[in-house]
Amino acid sequence: MLNNIGLPGLLLIAVVVLVLFGRGKISSLMGEVGKGITAFKRGVDDGKKELDDSFGDARDVTPDASVDKADKDKV
């Protein structure tokens, strides 16, 4: 359905939206969208940092590979 719009159709849609909403309303809307994207990125970065900090306190509990459990029982 949207494959046949083309450049003239997109320009016509842009002009109609501009006439309906006005330049000021569209400008403020785009500013809010930009603030939302910035807040989302900041939240993702904070979440990554929080995860990295919580895993920094983790300790390695992997058993020693040189001692086999079956050999340890025989000793």
C-alpha atoms as a PDB file:
ATOM      1  CA  MET A   1       0.000   0.000   0.000  1.00  0.00           C
ATOM      2  CA  LEU A   2       2.724   2.526   0.945  1.00  0.00           C
ATOM      3  CA  ASN A   3       5.112   1.329  -1.752  1.00  0.00           C
ATOM      4  CA  ASN A   4       3.563   3.604  -4.400  1.00  0.00           C
ATOM      5  CA  ILE A   5       3.727   6.944  -2.545  1.00  0.00           C
ATOM      6  CA  GLY A   6       7.007   8.285  -3.925  1.00  0.00           C
ATOM      7  CA  LEU A   7       8.588  11.684  -3.390  1.00  0.00           C
ATOM      8  CA  PRO A   8       5.676  13.837  -4.648  1.00  0.00           C
ATOM      9  CA  GLY A   9       3.279  12.033  -2.322  1.00  0.00           C
ATOM     10  CA  LEU A  10       5.574  12.493   0.673  1.00  0.00           C
ATOM     11  CA  LEU A  11       5.939  16.194  -0.097  1.00  0.00           C
ATOM     12  CA  LEU A  12       2.165  16.567  -0.343  1.00  0.00           C
ATOM     13  CA  ILE A  13       1.704  14.815   3.013  1.00  0.00           C
ATOM     14  CA  ALA A  14       4.357  17.065   4.597  1.00  0.00           C
ATOM     15  CA  VAL A  15       2.633  20.202   3.291  1.00  0.00           C
ATOM     16  CA  VAL A  16      -0.781  19.054   4.539  1.00  0.00           C
ATOM     17  CA  VAL A  17       0.630  18.260   8.011  1.00  0.00           C
ATOM     18  CA  LEU A  18       2.374  21.635   8.111  1.00  0.00           C
ATOM     19  CA  VAL A  19      -0.834  23.467   7.177  1.00  0.00           C
ATOM     20  CA  LEU A  20      -2.953  21.535   9.690  1.00  0.00           C
ATOM     21  CA  PHE A  21      -0.657  21.780  12.707  1.00  0.00           C
ATOM     22  CA  GLY A  22       1.476  24.825  12.020  1.00  0.00           C
ATOM     23  CA  ARG A  23       5.215  25.249  12.271  1.00  0.00           C
ATOM     24  CA  GLY A  24       5.291  25.988  16.005  1.00  0.00           C
ATOM     25  CA  LYS A  25       3.317  22.900  16.991  1.00  0.00           C
ATOM     26  CA  ILE A  26       5.451  20.595  14.831  1.00  0.00           C
ATOM     27  CA  SER A  27       8.640  22.183  16.180  1.00  0.00           C
ATOM     28  CA  SER A  28       7.593  21.659  19.797  1.00  0.00           C
ATOM     29  CA  LEU A  29       6.494  18.103  19.013  1.00  0.00           C
ATOM     30  CA  MET A  30       9.876  17.261  17.495  1.00  0.00           C
ATOM     31  CA  GLY A  31      11.590  18.807  20.531  1.00  0.00           C
ATOM     32  CA  GLU A  32       9.589  16.528  22.828  1.00  0.00           C
ATOM     33  CA  VAL A  33      10.450  13.510  20.690  1.00  0.00           C
ATOM     34  CA  GLY A  34      14.145  14.422  20.938  1.00  0.00           C
ATOM     35  CA  LYS A  35      13.913  14.760  24.723  1.00  0.00           C
ATOM     36  CA  GLY A  36      12.206  11.377  24.919  1.00  0.00           C
ATOM     37  CA  ILE A  37      14.921   9.701  22.853  1.00  0.00           C
ATOM     38  CA  THR A  38      17.634  11.313  24.988  1.00  0.00           C
ATOM     39  CA  ALA A  39      15.937  10.167  28.204  1.00  0.00           C
ATOM     40  CA  PHE A  40      15.587   6.629  26.827  1.00  0.00           C
ATOM     41  CA  LYS A  41      19.274   6.449  25.897  1.00  0.00           C
ATOM     42  CA  ARG A  42      20.259   7.807  29.323  1.00  0.00           C
ATOM     43  CA  GLY A  43      18.082   5.161  30.996  1.00  0.00           C
ATOM     44  CA  VAL A  44      19.647   2.378  28.951  1.00  0.00           C
ATOM     45  CA  ASP A  45      23.157   3.606  29.814  1.00  0.00           C
ATOM     46  CA  ASP A  46      22.267   3.836  33.521  1.00  0.00           C
ATOM     47  CA  GLY A  47      20.858   0.305  33.422  1.00  0.00           C
ATOM     48  CA  LYS A  48      24.031  -1.042  31.793  1.00  0.00           C
ATOM     49  CA  LYS A  49      26.171   0.751  34.376  1.00  0.00           C
ATOM     50  CA  GLU A  50      24.065  -0.644  37.221  1.00  0.00           C
ATOM     51  CA  LEU A  51      24.398  -4.180  35.846  1.00  0.00           C
ATOM     52  CA  ASP A  52      28.148  -3.799  35.410  1.00  0.00           C
ATOM     53  CA  ASP A  53      28.482  -2.525  38.977  1.00  0.00           C
ATOM     54  CA  SER A  54      26.466  -5.419  40.395  1.00  0.00           C
ATOM     55  CA  PHE A  55      28.513  -8.003  38.492  1.00  0.00           C
ATOM     56  CA  GLY A  56      31.747  -6.362  39.654  1.00  0.00           C
ATOM     57  CA  ASP A  57      31.165  -7.800  43.154  1.00  0.00           C
ATOM     58  CA  ALA A  58      30.648 -11.335  41.852  1.00  0.00           C
ATOM     59  CA  ARG A  59      33.271 -13.933  42.660  1.00  0.00           C
ATOM     60  CA  ASP A  60      34.423 -16.897  40.626  1.00  0.00           C
ATOM     61  CA  VAL A  61      33.158 -20.209  42.048  1.00  0.00           C
ATOM     62  CA  THR A  62      34.420 -22.420  39.242  1.00  0.00           C
ATOM     63  CA  PRO A  63      36.063 -25.561  40.658  1.00  0.00           C
ATOM     64  CA  ASP A  64      39.732 -26.131  40.019  1.00  0.00           C
ATOM     65  CA  ALA A  65      40.102 -28.015  36.729  1.00  0.00           C
ATOM     66  CA  SER A  66      43.237 -29.893  37.852  1.00  0.00           C
ATOM     67  CA  VAL A  67      41.382 -31.776  40.624  1.00  0.00           C
ATOM     68  CA  ASP A  68      38.794 -34.192  39.311  1.00  0.00           C
ATOM     69  CA  LYS A  69      35.901 -34.919  41.659  1.00  0.00           C
ATOM     70  CA  ALA A  70      36.201 -38.709  41.167  1.00  0.00           C
ATOM     71  CA  ASP A  71      39.959 -38.635  41.940  1.00  0.00           C
ATOM     72  CA  LYS A  72      39.359 -36.518  45.032  1.00  0.00           C
ATOM     73  CA  ASP A  73      37.044 -39.191  46.525  1.00  0.00           C
ATOM     74  CA  LYS A  74      39.776 -41.878  46.139  1.00  0.00           C
ATOM     75  CA  VAL A  75      42.370 -39.827  48.036  1.00  0.00           C
END
